[in-house]
Amino acid sequence: MHWMMLLTTLFPIVLIGALLPTLGRQRRGLLFGVSVPLEFADSTEARSAVWRYRLGTMLLTVFVLALAGGLLVMDEVWTLTAVPTAAILVELLGGMLLWQRERRALRPHAVAVPLVRSADLAATRPLGSIVASAAALLPLVSTALWLRLHWTQIPARWPQHWNAAGVVDGWGTKSPADVYLPLLLGAMVVLLLTGLVAFIGRAPGPQSGQRRLAVPLRGVCADRVAALAARAQSREHAGVALRAAAGDVRCNPLAFVARPALHAHR
């Protein structure tokens, strides 16, 4: 097997192996899906759990790469699809088992998560994510420029597809459509994903879209809860009033804006 084809086939395994070690510590205070005290997150035990997981995923990736590479050099047709697929499944399953092992070890240190959450409604722009997603266009553009500069070196005909028996059943020709179509399809996929990143960044949540929605409803919801809270004679009744207001269709989308008004009437 040609070394370029070997590297291309093994690349998804390497990519997954590079991503797996990042799944242990999502953020400070959250380890392997377990909410832990902030002081414990920086303790030796927590760092050891993260280190064990990362070491385990790296060793797993090396093992899978060695096994997959050994099978691919056999140069059998079936290995081109069967080996990478099986290797990725083994890698993902092994990473999940390692993650679950550390999760079980950290459960005794879990803390209760408060039921009341807060969110910043300040408008944000996912500019960094959009730029990172659009950066995937650079290899495609570079390849297109290289092909244009070396157009005379492109053969007039080349194999494009092989059947299950390893026999060529599809050919490409030296034409802009055959040469640049794969790059164009790749660019379309990148642009689609970049558009999704931009859309998700403006979806309901701590984004400008929800902030615009909050402006006309803020006064309606606050007045509604204030009127209900004013009738409450105790802290328990105030809680009932808040739950009743949350069920109101006018207040439910943005019930959180009513909390200052409710606390003001307790």
Protein backbone atom coordinates (compact mmCIF):
# COMPACT_ATOMS: atom_id res chain seq x y z
CA MET A 1 0.00 0.00 0.00
CA HIS A 2 1.26 3.47 -0.88
CA TRP A 3 2.32 5.50 2.13
CA MET A 4 -0.02 8.39 1.23
CA MET A 5 -3.03 6.08 1.17
CA LEU A 6 -1.90 4.53 4.44
CA LEU A 7 -1.67 7.93 6.14
CA THR A 8 -5.04 9.00 4.74
CA THR A 9 -6.68 5.83 6.03
CA LEU A 10 -5.15 6.17 9.49
CA PHE A 11 -5.84 9.90 9.83
CA PRO A 12 -9.38 9.53 11.35
CA ILE A 13 -7.93 7.23 14.02
CA VAL A 14 -5.26 9.81 14.86
CA LEU A 15 -7.83 12.61 14.96
CA ILE A 16 -10.13 10.74 17.35
CA GLY A 17 -7.11 9.82 19.47
CA ALA A 18 -6.24 13.52 19.73
CA LEU A 19 -9.78 14.47 20.78
CA LEU A 20 -10.40 11.75 23.37
CA PRO A 21 -7.97 13.11 26.02
CA THR A 22 -9.83 16.45 26.05
CA LEU A 23 -13.10 14.91 27.27
CA GLY A 24 -12.10 14.42 30.90
CA ARG A 25 -12.15 17.96 32.29
CA GLN A 26 -15.03 19.81 30.63
CA ARG A 27 -14.72 22.84 32.90
CA ARG A 28 -13.60 23.68 36.41
CA GLY A 29 -15.86 21.90 38.86
CA LEU A 30 -17.03 19.29 36.35
CA LEU A 31 -14.93 16.15 35.95
CA PHE A 32 -16.12 13.26 33.79
CA GLY A 33 -19.68 14.49 34.05
CA VAL A 34 -19.54 14.68 37.87
CA SER A 35 -20.04 18.02 39.64
CA VAL A 36 -17.32 18.29 42.29
CA PRO A 37 -16.30 21.08 44.69
CA LEU A 38 -14.01 23.66 43.15
CA GLU A 39 -11.29 22.94 45.69
CA PHE A 40 -11.42 19.22 44.84
CA ALA A 41 -11.10 19.96 41.13
CA ASP A 42 -7.56 21.18 41.78
CA SER A 43 -6.62 18.38 44.17
CA THR A 44 -4.08 15.64 43.56
CA GLU A 45 -6.81 13.00 43.29
CA ALA A 46 -8.66 14.93 40.59
CA ARG A 47 -5.48 15.59 38.60
CA SER A 48 -4.57 11.90 38.91
CA ALA A 49 -7.96 10.89 37.48
CA VAL A 50 -7.48 13.19 34.50
CA TRP A 51 -3.91 11.97 34.01
CA ARG A 52 -4.98 8.29 34.13
CA TYR A 53 -7.70 8.91 31.58
CA ARG A 54 -5.41 10.80 29.22
CA LEU A 55 -2.66 8.20 29.50
CA GLY A 56 -5.17 5.42 28.90
CA THR A 57 -6.58 7.09 25.77
CA MET A 58 -3.09 7.73 24.38
CA LEU A 59 -2.02 4.12 24.92
CA LEU A 60 -5.30 2.96 23.37
CA THR A 61 -4.70 5.13 20.31
CA VAL A 62 -1.16 3.81 19.87
CA PHE A 63 -2.39 0.22 20.16
CA VAL A 64 -5.21 0.74 17.66
CA LEU A 65 -2.90 2.53 15.22
CA ALA A 66 -0.30 -0.25 15.39
CA LEU A 67 -2.92 -2.96 14.89
CA ALA A 68 -4.69 -1.12 12.06
CA GLY A 69 -1.41 -0.27 10.34
CA GLY A 70 -0.28 -3.89 10.53
CA LEU A 71 -3.49 -5.06 8.89
CA LEU A 72 -3.44 -2.35 6.22
CA VAL A 73 0.07 -3.20 5.01
CA MET A 74 -1.31 -6.60 4.03
CA ASP A 75 -2.62 -4.69 1.00
CA GLU A 76 -5.91 -6.55 0.88
CA VAL A 77 -8.93 -4.83 -0.66
CA TRP A 78 -11.24 -5.53 2.28
CA THR A 79 -8.89 -3.85 4.73
CA LEU A 80 -9.44 -0.38 3.21
CA THR A 81 -12.91 -0.12 4.71
CA ALA A 82 -13.17 -2.86 7.34
CA VAL A 83 -10.00 -2.01 9.26
CA PRO A 84 -10.57 1.76 9.72
CA THR A 85 -14.21 1.21 10.66
CA ALA A 86 -13.39 -1.46 13.24
CA ALA A 87 -10.46 0.56 14.59
CA ILE A 88 -12.61 3.67 15.13
CA LEU A 89 -15.29 1.64 16.89
CA VAL A 90 -12.70 0.02 19.17
CA GLU A 91 -11.15 3.40 19.90
CA LEU A 92 -14.49 5.03 20.76
CA LEU A 93 -15.62 2.08 22.88
CA GLY A 94 -12.31 1.97 24.75
CA GLY A 95 -12.42 5.72 25.36
CA MET A 96 -15.97 5.44 26.69
CA LEU A 97 -14.97 2.64 29.08
CA LEU A 98 -12.00 4.65 30.35
CA TRP A 99 -14.24 7.70 30.83
CA GLN A 100 -16.81 5.67 32.75
CA ARG A 101 -14.09 4.18 34.96
CA GLU A 102 -12.96 7.61 36.13
CA ARG A 103 -16.56 8.77 36.46
CA ARG A 104 -17.34 5.94 38.88
CA ALA A 105 -14.19 6.74 40.86
CA LEU A 106 -15.23 10.40 41.26
CA ARG A 107 -18.89 9.85 42.17
CA PRO A 108 -18.19 9.72 45.94
CA HIS A 109 -16.95 13.32 45.67
CA ALA A 110 -20.03 14.61 43.83
CA VAL A 111 -21.95 17.60 45.17
CA ALA A 112 -25.60 18.48 44.73
CA VAL A 113 -26.30 20.74 41.78
CA PRO A 114 -28.53 23.73 42.61
CA LEU A 115 -31.93 23.67 40.92
CA VAL A 116 -31.86 27.41 40.27
CA ARG A 117 -29.52 28.39 37.46
CA SER A 118 -28.55 31.78 36.10
CA ALA A 119 -27.37 32.89 32.70
CA ASP A 120 -25.80 36.01 31.26
CA LEU A 121 -28.06 37.56 28.64
CA ALA A 122 -25.34 39.78 27.24
CA ALA A 123 -25.13 39.60 23.48
CA THR A 124 -22.21 37.52 22.30
CA ARG A 125 -20.84 36.66 18.88
CA PRO A 126 -19.30 33.24 18.20
CA LEU A 127 -16.61 34.87 16.08
CA GLY A 128 -13.85 32.54 17.22
CA SER A 129 -15.85 29.43 16.43
CA ILE A 130 -16.85 30.76 13.01
CA VAL A 131 -13.25 31.59 12.13
CA ALA A 132 -12.04 28.18 13.32
CA SER A 133 -14.71 26.44 11.24
CA ALA A 134 -14.03 28.52 8.14
CA ALA A 135 -10.29 27.83 8.49
CA ALA A 136 -11.01 24.35 7.11
CA LEU A 137 -11.28 26.04 3.71
CA LEU A 138 -7.56 26.82 3.68
CA PRO A 139 -6.36 23.29 2.74
CA LEU A 140 -8.99 23.13 0.00
CA VAL A 141 -8.02 26.51 -1.42
CA SER A 142 -4.32 25.64 -1.21
CA THR A 143 -4.91 22.37 -3.04
CA ALA A 144 -6.91 24.13 -5.74
CA LEU A 145 -4.10 26.68 -6.25
CA TRP A 146 -1.48 23.93 -6.38
CA LEU A 147 -3.45 22.03 -9.00
CA ARG A 148 -3.86 25.20 -11.06
CA LEU A 149 -0.13 25.92 -10.95
CA HIS A 150 0.73 22.30 -11.86
CA TRP A 151 -2.03 21.77 -14.39
CA THR A 152 0.37 20.52 -17.04
CA GLN A 153 1.53 17.72 -14.70
CA ILE A 154 -1.96 16.30 -14.20
CA PRO A 155 -2.39 13.07 -16.22
CA ALA A 156 -5.06 12.97 -18.89
CA ARG A 157 -6.79 10.02 -17.17
CA TRP A 158 -6.60 8.48 -13.71
CA PRO A 159 -8.53 5.86 -11.70
CA GLN A 160 -11.23 7.23 -9.42
CA HIS A 161 -13.03 4.18 -8.06
CA TRP A 162 -12.41 0.49 -7.45
CA ASN A 163 -14.97 -2.27 -7.06
CA ALA A 164 -14.96 -4.92 -4.35
CA ALA A 165 -12.55 -7.06 -6.38
CA GLY A 166 -10.01 -4.23 -6.60
CA VAL A 167 -10.66 -3.57 -10.29
CA VAL A 168 -10.91 0.01 -11.50
CA ASP A 169 -14.48 0.78 -12.56
CA GLY A 170 -14.36 4.59 -12.62
CA TRP A 171 -11.99 7.00 -14.33
CA GLY A 172 -11.39 10.72 -14.09
CA THR A 173 -10.28 12.97 -16.91
CA LYS A 174 -8.25 16.14 -17.06
CA SER A 175 -11.14 18.58 -16.90
CA PRO A 176 -12.09 21.30 -14.39
CA ALA A 177 -15.14 19.30 -13.34
CA ASP A 178 -13.21 16.13 -12.46
CA VAL A 179 -10.24 17.95 -10.95
CA TYR A 180 -12.03 20.56 -8.85
CA LEU A 181 -15.38 18.91 -8.09
CA PRO A 182 -14.14 17.05 -4.96
CA LEU A 183 -12.68 20.29 -3.63
CA LEU A 184 -15.91 22.14 -4.39
CA LEU A 185 -17.95 19.52 -2.53
CA GLY A 186 -15.61 19.77 0.43
CA ALA A 187 -15.93 23.56 0.43
CA MET A 188 -19.72 23.26 0.42
CA VAL A 189 -19.59 20.98 3.47
CA VAL A 190 -17.29 23.43 5.30
CA LEU A 191 -19.57 26.37 4.48
CA LEU A 192 -22.59 24.40 5.67
CA LEU A 193 -20.91 23.60 8.99
CA THR A 194 -19.77 27.21 9.36
CA GLY A 195 -23.34 28.36 8.79
CA LEU A 196 -24.54 25.94 11.47
CA VAL A 197 -21.96 27.30 13.91
CA ALA A 198 -23.15 30.84 13.24
CA PHE A 199 -26.80 29.79 13.57
CA ILE A 200 -26.22 27.96 16.85
CA GLY A 201 -24.41 31.01 18.17
CA ARG A 202 -27.57 33.06 17.64
CA ALA A 203 -30.01 30.41 18.86
CA PRO A 204 -32.16 31.03 21.98
CA GLY A 205 -29.91 31.21 24.99
CA PRO A 206 -27.39 33.78 26.22
CA GLN A 207 -27.45 35.44 22.80
CA SER A 208 -28.76 38.62 21.25
CA GLY A 209 -31.85 36.87 19.83
CA GLN A 210 -33.14 35.96 23.28
CA ARG A 211 -32.14 39.35 24.58
CA ARG A 212 -34.31 41.04 21.95
CA LEU A 213 -37.17 38.75 22.96
CA ALA A 214 -36.71 39.63 26.61
CA VAL A 215 -37.18 43.38 26.08
CA PRO A 216 -40.92 43.45 25.21
CA LEU A 217 -41.80 40.66 27.67
CA ARG A 218 -39.77 41.86 30.65
CA GLY A 219 -42.33 44.36 31.87
CA VAL A 220 -45.29 42.01 31.33
CA CYS A 221 -43.70 39.13 33.19
CA ALA A 222 -42.32 41.22 36.05
CA ASP A 223 -45.69 42.90 36.66
CA ARG A 224 -47.47 39.53 36.58
CA VAL A 225 -45.19 37.99 39.20
CA ALA A 226 -45.14 41.11 41.33
CA ALA A 227 -48.94 41.06 41.52
CA LEU A 228 -48.98 37.40 42.52
CA ALA A 229 -46.14 37.80 45.01
CA ALA A 230 -47.83 40.74 46.66
CA ARG A 231 -50.68 38.43 47.68
CA ALA A 232 -48.33 35.89 49.24
CA GLN A 233 -48.10 36.02 53.05
CA SER A 234 -45.08 33.78 53.53
CA ARG A 235 -41.97 32.55 51.79
CA GLU A 236 -43.72 29.29 50.87
CA HIS A 237 -46.64 31.17 49.34
CA ALA A 238 -44.23 33.28 47.36
CA GLY A 239 -42.73 30.11 45.92
CA VAL A 240 -46.20 28.97 44.91
CA ALA A 241 -46.77 32.32 43.27
CA LEU A 242 -43.59 32.02 41.26
CA ARG A 243 -44.52 28.52 40.08
CA ALA A 244 -47.97 29.75 39.12
CA ALA A 245 -46.46 32.63 37.19
CA ALA A 246 -44.04 30.29 35.46
CA GLY A 247 -47.06 28.38 34.18
CA ASP A 248 -48.47 31.55 32.70
CA VAL A 249 -47.90 31.55 28.95
CA ARG A 250 -46.85 35.17 29.13
CA CYS A 251 -44.11 34.54 31.66
CA ASN A 252 -42.89 31.01 31.01
CA PRO A 253 -40.44 31.81 28.17
CA LEU A 254 -38.59 34.30 30.39
CA ALA A 255 -39.62 33.41 33.93
CA PHE A 256 -36.15 34.27 35.15
CA VAL A 257 -36.72 38.01 34.60
CA ALA A 258 -39.39 37.88 37.28
CA ARG A 259 -37.09 36.74 40.07
CA PRO A 260 -35.88 40.26 41.04
CA ALA A 261 -39.48 41.41 41.29
CA LEU A 262 -40.44 38.41 43.40
CA HIS A 263 -37.55 38.89 45.82
CA ALA A 264 -38.45 42.58 46.12
CA HIS A 265 -41.92 41.69 47.41
CA ARG A 266 -40.85 39.02 49.94
